[in-house]
């Protein structure tokens, strides 16, 4: 038996997953997600100046690495994503967020419910700043994670996420961050602030929606212990700018898709079909075509 397969089987046993004959077809099915789709995956190109990997050294995360990390998983006890709405939103932003909630329900196969609404006036001054260079108001993302979400997280939460229209910063040395998540506390926060104004027409709405879907699914992936991908073009690539984010796909690469399918215990082709339907309904044609083609590969 291949040594890598032995490592995977050991990790599955440690995690309490059945290692008997009944589990083998499922594990083969998830392994085929990675092996069959590698042929249609695009290897990650050398980073441009200013890109995430040009500034941050990361080794990536294989499926065996993922299992060894004992990841946060969907279970009977953790089977709902909860949302905290922080601050005010325009009608168009609300529409984007409602569509994003529906996307997360499909992407992570759990109900998504609004748990709390919080006004910006309730955020203490120590968790806010005016950016020292360009002067915009910002919220401290770690405050949201540690003092808003963590103490209020429902017991059955797979994840507890905050949406805000305010700009975020994670540390005084950073200019901003699109979103941030805690890998072990099952919390995450992201902002729609830098995603464009969805009220400026159909093109602007679609761009804002795509950016919001990307950040939401990416940060929730971190909550499920999926680290940044360094192998292929992938939803889970690190992003250092809006330009870099717009170059990244909404879809997962074969390795990260295998992690998601295993975590959620879904039938891969059916799962991809549900994502295709969502993307078709929301005019995300390129993504819908990718899901359609990937499902066809898996069925062969």
Protein backbone atom coordinates (compact mmCIF):
# COMPACT_ATOMS: atom_id res chain seq x y z
CA UNK A 1 0.00 0.00 0.00
CA UNK A 2 1.22 3.53 -0.85
CA UNK A 3 2.68 5.24 2.23
CA UNK A 4 0.48 8.30 1.64
CA UNK A 5 -2.62 6.12 1.80
CA UNK A 6 -1.43 4.63 5.08
CA UNK A 7 -1.04 8.15 6.52
CA UNK A 8 -4.57 9.05 5.41
CA UNK A 9 -6.06 5.87 6.92
CA UNK A 10 -4.27 6.46 10.23
CA UNK A 11 -5.50 10.05 10.33
CA UNK A 12 -9.06 8.96 9.61
CA UNK A 13 -8.94 6.48 12.49
CA UNK A 14 -7.58 9.16 14.82
CA UNK A 15 -10.49 11.42 13.83
CA UNK A 16 -12.99 8.69 14.61
CA UNK A 17 -14.01 8.08 11.01
CA UNK A 18 -14.99 4.53 10.18
CA UNK A 19 -12.03 2.63 8.71
CA UNK A 20 -13.94 -0.53 7.86
CA UNK A 21 -15.08 -1.84 4.47
CA UNK A 22 -18.20 0.38 4.42
CA UNK A 23 -16.06 3.53 4.55
CA UNK A 24 -13.71 2.52 1.75
CA UNK A 25 -15.99 3.40 -1.22
CA UNK A 26 -16.55 6.89 0.19
CA UNK A 27 -12.85 7.47 0.76
CA UNK A 28 -12.13 6.30 -2.80
CA UNK A 29 -14.84 8.65 -4.08
CA UNK A 30 -13.22 11.63 -2.33
CA UNK A 31 -9.76 10.58 -3.50
CA UNK A 32 -11.09 10.55 -7.07
CA UNK A 33 -12.17 14.18 -6.71
CA UNK A 34 -8.50 15.07 -6.42
CA UNK A 35 -7.10 12.56 -8.92
CA UNK A 36 -9.69 13.04 -11.68
CA UNK A 37 -9.85 16.84 -11.53
CA UNK A 38 -6.09 17.43 -11.42
CA UNK A 39 -6.08 17.25 -15.21
CA UNK A 40 -8.39 20.30 -15.51
CA UNK A 41 -6.80 22.31 -12.69
CA UNK A 42 -4.57 25.29 -13.46
CA UNK A 43 -1.22 25.24 -11.62
CA UNK A 44 -0.63 28.37 -9.58
CA UNK A 45 1.61 30.78 -11.50
CA UNK A 46 4.62 32.55 -10.04
CA UNK A 47 3.30 35.43 -7.92
CA UNK A 48 3.49 38.98 -9.23
CA UNK A 49 5.14 41.73 -7.19
CA UNK A 50 2.81 42.57 -4.31
CA UNK A 51 0.84 39.29 -4.50
CA UNK A 52 0.21 37.26 -1.35
CA UNK A 53 2.89 34.62 -1.97
CA UNK A 54 5.41 37.30 -2.91
CA UNK A 55 5.11 38.60 0.65
CA UNK A 56 4.13 35.51 2.66
CA UNK A 57 5.97 32.17 2.53
CA UNK A 58 3.48 29.29 2.73
CA UNK A 59 3.98 25.58 2.13
CA UNK A 60 0.39 24.67 1.28
CA UNK A 61 -1.69 21.85 2.73
CA UNK A 62 -2.12 18.39 1.21
CA UNK A 63 -5.14 16.24 2.04
CA UNK A 64 -3.00 14.17 4.41
CA UNK A 65 -1.84 17.41 6.10
CA UNK A 66 -5.47 18.40 6.45
CA UNK A 67 -6.41 15.16 8.18
CA UNK A 68 -3.43 15.42 10.54
CA UNK A 69 -4.68 18.87 11.58
CA UNK A 70 -7.84 17.24 13.02
CA UNK A 71 -10.06 19.78 11.24
CA UNK A 72 -13.24 21.43 12.42
CA UNK A 73 -16.02 19.39 10.81
CA UNK A 74 -19.71 19.57 10.15
CA UNK A 75 -21.46 17.21 12.57
CA UNK A 76 -24.80 16.68 14.26
CA UNK A 77 -23.64 18.94 17.09
CA UNK A 78 -22.24 21.63 14.77
CA UNK A 79 -24.63 21.95 11.85
CA UNK A 80 -25.61 25.62 11.42
CA UNK A 81 -23.82 28.74 10.24
CA UNK A 82 -24.92 31.84 12.15
CA UNK A 83 -24.60 35.43 10.96
CA UNK A 84 -24.03 38.67 12.89
CA UNK A 85 -24.93 41.79 10.89
CA UNK A 86 -22.68 44.61 12.07
CA UNK A 87 -23.65 48.17 11.13
CA UNK A 88 -25.89 49.45 8.34
CA UNK A 89 -26.31 48.26 4.75
CA UNK A 90 -27.88 49.76 1.65
CA UNK A 91 -30.79 47.87 0.03
CA UNK A 92 -28.43 46.63 -2.69
CA UNK A 93 -25.85 45.49 -0.16
CA UNK A 94 -28.59 43.65 1.73
CA UNK A 95 -29.51 41.85 -1.49
CA UNK A 96 -25.87 40.82 -1.99
CA UNK A 97 -25.68 39.53 1.58
CA UNK A 98 -28.94 37.58 1.29
CA UNK A 99 -27.63 35.92 -1.88
CA UNK A 100 -24.35 35.19 -0.12
CA UNK A 101 -26.23 33.48 2.71
CA UNK A 102 -27.92 31.21 0.15
CA UNK A 103 -24.55 30.46 -1.43
CA UNK A 104 -23.02 29.48 1.91
CA UNK A 105 -25.97 27.16 2.56
CA UNK A 106 -25.12 25.29 -0.65
CA UNK A 107 -21.35 25.57 -0.40
CA UNK A 108 -21.20 24.23 3.18
CA UNK A 109 -24.46 22.22 3.17
CA UNK A 110 -25.92 23.69 6.37
CA UNK A 111 -28.67 26.19 7.25
CA UNK A 112 -27.47 29.82 7.48
CA UNK A 113 -29.36 32.00 9.97
CA UNK A 114 -29.09 35.60 11.15
CA UNK A 115 -28.38 35.35 14.89
CA UNK A 116 -27.67 38.95 15.87
CA UNK A 117 -27.70 42.56 14.64
CA UNK A 118 -25.26 45.05 16.14
CA UNK A 119 -24.96 48.82 15.67
CA UNK A 120 -21.61 50.51 15.05
CA UNK A 121 -22.23 52.85 18.02
CA UNK A 122 -21.86 49.76 20.24
CA UNK A 123 -18.26 49.20 19.08
CA UNK A 124 -15.82 50.79 21.59
CA UNK A 125 -13.40 53.48 20.47
CA UNK A 126 -10.42 51.17 21.11
CA UNK A 127 -11.68 48.90 18.31
CA UNK A 128 -11.99 51.69 15.75
CA UNK A 129 -9.54 53.98 13.98
CA UNK A 130 -9.23 56.54 11.22
CA UNK A 131 -6.65 55.22 8.76
CA UNK A 132 -3.43 57.27 9.23
CA UNK A 133 -2.87 57.71 5.47
CA UNK A 134 -6.18 57.95 3.63
CA UNK A 135 -8.40 58.86 6.57
CA UNK A 136 -11.19 56.27 6.26
CA UNK A 137 -13.02 54.81 9.27
CA UNK A 138 -12.10 51.22 10.09
CA UNK A 139 -13.04 48.49 12.57
CA UNK A 140 -10.57 46.16 14.29
CA UNK A 141 -11.31 42.67 12.95
CA UNK A 142 -9.78 40.87 15.94
CA UNK A 143 -12.18 42.73 18.25
CA UNK A 144 -15.10 41.37 16.23
CA UNK A 145 -13.69 37.84 16.35
CA UNK A 146 -12.69 37.77 20.01
CA UNK A 147 -15.20 40.04 21.76
CA UNK A 148 -18.33 40.03 19.60
CA UNK A 149 -18.48 36.57 18.07
CA UNK A 150 -16.58 34.21 20.36
CA UNK A 151 -18.57 34.92 23.60
CA UNK A 152 -21.89 34.83 21.71
CA UNK A 153 -21.28 31.78 19.49
CA UNK A 154 -24.22 29.32 19.66
CA UNK A 155 -23.31 25.82 20.80
CA UNK A 156 -24.50 24.23 17.56
CA UNK A 157 -22.60 26.66 15.31
CA UNK A 158 -20.38 25.17 12.66
CA UNK A 159 -19.36 28.79 12.16
CA UNK A 160 -20.41 32.20 13.49
CA UNK A 161 -19.73 34.92 10.94
CA UNK A 162 -19.99 38.71 10.96
CA UNK A 163 -20.89 40.74 7.86
CA UNK A 164 -20.12 44.47 7.87
CA UNK A 165 -20.06 47.33 5.38
CA UNK A 166 -17.26 48.97 7.38
CA UNK A 167 -13.61 48.67 6.37
CA UNK A 168 -11.54 46.28 8.50
CA UNK A 169 -7.98 46.19 9.80
CA UNK A 170 -6.43 43.31 11.79
CA UNK A 171 -3.48 45.11 13.36
CA UNK A 172 -2.14 48.70 13.49
CA UNK A 173 0.66 47.73 11.09
CA UNK A 174 -1.81 46.62 8.36
CA UNK A 175 -3.68 48.93 5.98
CA UNK A 176 -6.81 46.77 5.74
CA UNK A 177 -8.08 43.22 5.42
CA UNK A 178 -10.99 41.87 3.34
CA UNK A 179 -11.86 39.32 6.00
CA UNK A 180 -10.39 37.27 8.80
CA UNK A 181 -11.24 33.94 10.43
CA UNK A 182 -10.20 31.89 13.42
CA UNK A 183 -9.34 28.29 12.50
CA UNK A 184 -10.26 26.89 15.91
CA UNK A 185 -12.86 29.27 17.38
CA UNK A 186 -15.23 28.79 14.41
CA UNK A 187 -15.58 32.54 13.94
CA UNK A 188 -15.02 34.83 10.97
CA UNK A 189 -15.63 38.40 9.87
CA UNK A 190 -15.58 40.02 6.44
CA UNK A 191 -16.41 43.37 4.93
CA UNK A 192 -18.33 44.35 1.82
CA UNK A 193 -16.69 47.80 1.96
CA UNK A 194 -14.09 47.21 -0.77
CA UNK A 195 -16.30 45.17 -3.07
CA UNK A 196 -17.71 48.12 -5.02
CA UNK A 197 -21.11 49.81 -4.96
CA UNK A 198 -23.79 47.32 -6.08
CA UNK A 199 -26.21 50.22 -6.64
CA UNK A 200 -24.26 51.49 -9.67
CA UNK A 201 -25.81 49.13 -12.18
CA UNK A 202 -25.87 45.46 -13.13
CA UNK A 203 -22.13 45.18 -13.83
CA UNK A 204 -21.23 46.76 -10.49
CA UNK A 205 -23.76 44.54 -8.70
CA UNK A 206 -22.32 41.37 -10.25
CA UNK A 207 -18.78 42.40 -9.35
CA UNK A 208 -19.75 43.14 -5.75
CA UNK A 209 -21.63 39.84 -5.51
CA UNK A 210 -18.74 37.79 -6.87
CA UNK A 211 -16.25 39.44 -4.53
CA UNK A 212 -18.52 38.91 -1.53
CA UNK A 213 -19.15 35.26 -2.40
CA UNK A 214 -15.40 34.72 -2.74
CA UNK A 215 -14.49 36.24 0.62
CA UNK A 216 -17.36 34.52 2.43
CA UNK A 217 -16.58 31.04 1.11
CA UNK A 218 -12.81 31.53 1.51
CA UNK A 219 -12.95 32.67 5.14
CA UNK A 220 -15.43 29.94 6.05
CA UNK A 221 -13.02 27.47 4.47
CA UNK A 222 -10.42 28.64 6.98
CA UNK A 223 -12.90 27.94 9.78
CA UNK A 224 -13.02 24.34 8.53
CA UNK A 225 -9.21 24.31 8.94
CA UNK A 226 -8.42 24.63 5.23
CA UNK A 227 -5.21 26.60 4.84
CA UNK A 228 -4.17 28.72 1.88
CA UNK A 229 -3.65 26.75 -1.33
CA UNK A 230 -0.27 27.06 -3.04
CA UNK A 231 -0.71 24.38 -5.72
CA UNK A 232 -3.44 25.55 -8.12
CA UNK A 233 -5.66 28.51 -8.97
CA UNK A 234 -8.16 28.14 -6.14
CA UNK A 235 -10.73 29.86 -3.97
CA UNK A 236 -8.33 29.22 -1.08
CA UNK A 237 -5.34 31.10 -2.55
CA UNK A 238 -4.09 33.91 -0.32
CA UNK A 239 -5.03 37.39 -1.55
CA UNK A 240 -3.14 40.61 -0.91
CA UNK A 241 -5.13 43.10 -3.02
CA UNK A 242 -8.43 43.55 -4.79
CA UNK A 243 -6.69 43.03 -8.13
CA UNK A 244 -5.29 39.70 -6.96
CA UNK A 245 -8.66 38.68 -5.53
CA UNK A 246 -10.37 39.37 -8.84
CA UNK A 247 -7.90 37.01 -10.53
CA UNK A 248 -8.84 34.14 -8.23
CA UNK A 249 -11.68 31.68 -8.95
CA UNK A 250 -14.74 31.10 -6.81
CA UNK A 251 -14.17 27.38 -7.30
CA UNK A 252 -11.97 25.11 -5.22
CA UNK A 253 -8.99 23.29 -6.73
CA UNK A 254 -9.04 19.45 -6.71
CA UNK A 255 -7.13 19.20 -3.42
CA UNK A 256 -9.27 21.71 -1.54
CA UNK A 257 -12.50 20.39 -3.07
CA UNK A 258 -11.58 16.95 -1.77
CA UNK A 259 -11.20 18.45 1.72
CA UNK A 260 -14.61 20.11 1.52
CA UNK A 261 -16.39 17.02 0.19
CA UNK A 262 -14.79 14.81 2.85
CA UNK A 263 -15.60 17.30 5.61
CA UNK A 264 -19.24 17.65 4.59
CA UNK A 265 -19.61 13.98 3.54
CA UNK A 266 -21.35 14.97 0.30
CA UNK A 267 -21.69 13.10 -2.99
CA UNK A 268 -19.29 15.19 -5.13
CA UNK A 269 -21.09 15.26 -8.51
CA UNK A 270 -24.45 16.09 -6.89
CA UNK A 271 -22.79 18.78 -4.77
CA UNK A 272 -21.19 20.38 -7.83
CA UNK A 273 -24.55 20.26 -9.59
CA UNK A 274 -26.16 22.30 -6.80
CA UNK A 275 -23.39 24.87 -7.05
CA UNK A 276 -23.81 25.02 -10.82
CA UNK A 277 -27.54 25.73 -10.43
CA UNK A 278 -26.87 28.57 -8.00
CA UNK A 279 -24.28 30.11 -10.31
CA UNK A 280 -26.59 29.88 -13.34
CA UNK A 281 -29.39 31.59 -11.41
CA UNK A 282 -27.05 34.40 -10.39
CA UNK A 283 -25.39 34.98 -13.79
CA UNK A 284 -22.03 33.54 -12.75
CA UNK A 285 -21.63 31.78 -16.07
CA UNK A 286 -17.92 30.93 -15.98
CA UNK A 287 -18.27 29.35 -12.54
CA UNK A 288 -21.43 27.46 -13.57
CA UNK A 289 -19.63 26.03 -16.59
CA UNK A 290 -16.70 24.92 -14.42
CA UNK A 291 -19.00 23.12 -11.99
CA UNK A 292 -20.84 21.46 -14.89
CA UNK A 293 -17.61 20.27 -16.52
CA UNK A 294 -16.10 19.10 -13.23
CA UNK A 295 -19.22 17.07 -12.39
CA UNK A 296 -19.07 15.46 -15.84
CA UNK A 297 -15.43 14.44 -15.27
CA UNK A 298 -16.30 12.86 -11.94
CA UNK A 299 -19.17 10.87 -13.45
CA UNK A 300 -16.90 9.30 -16.09
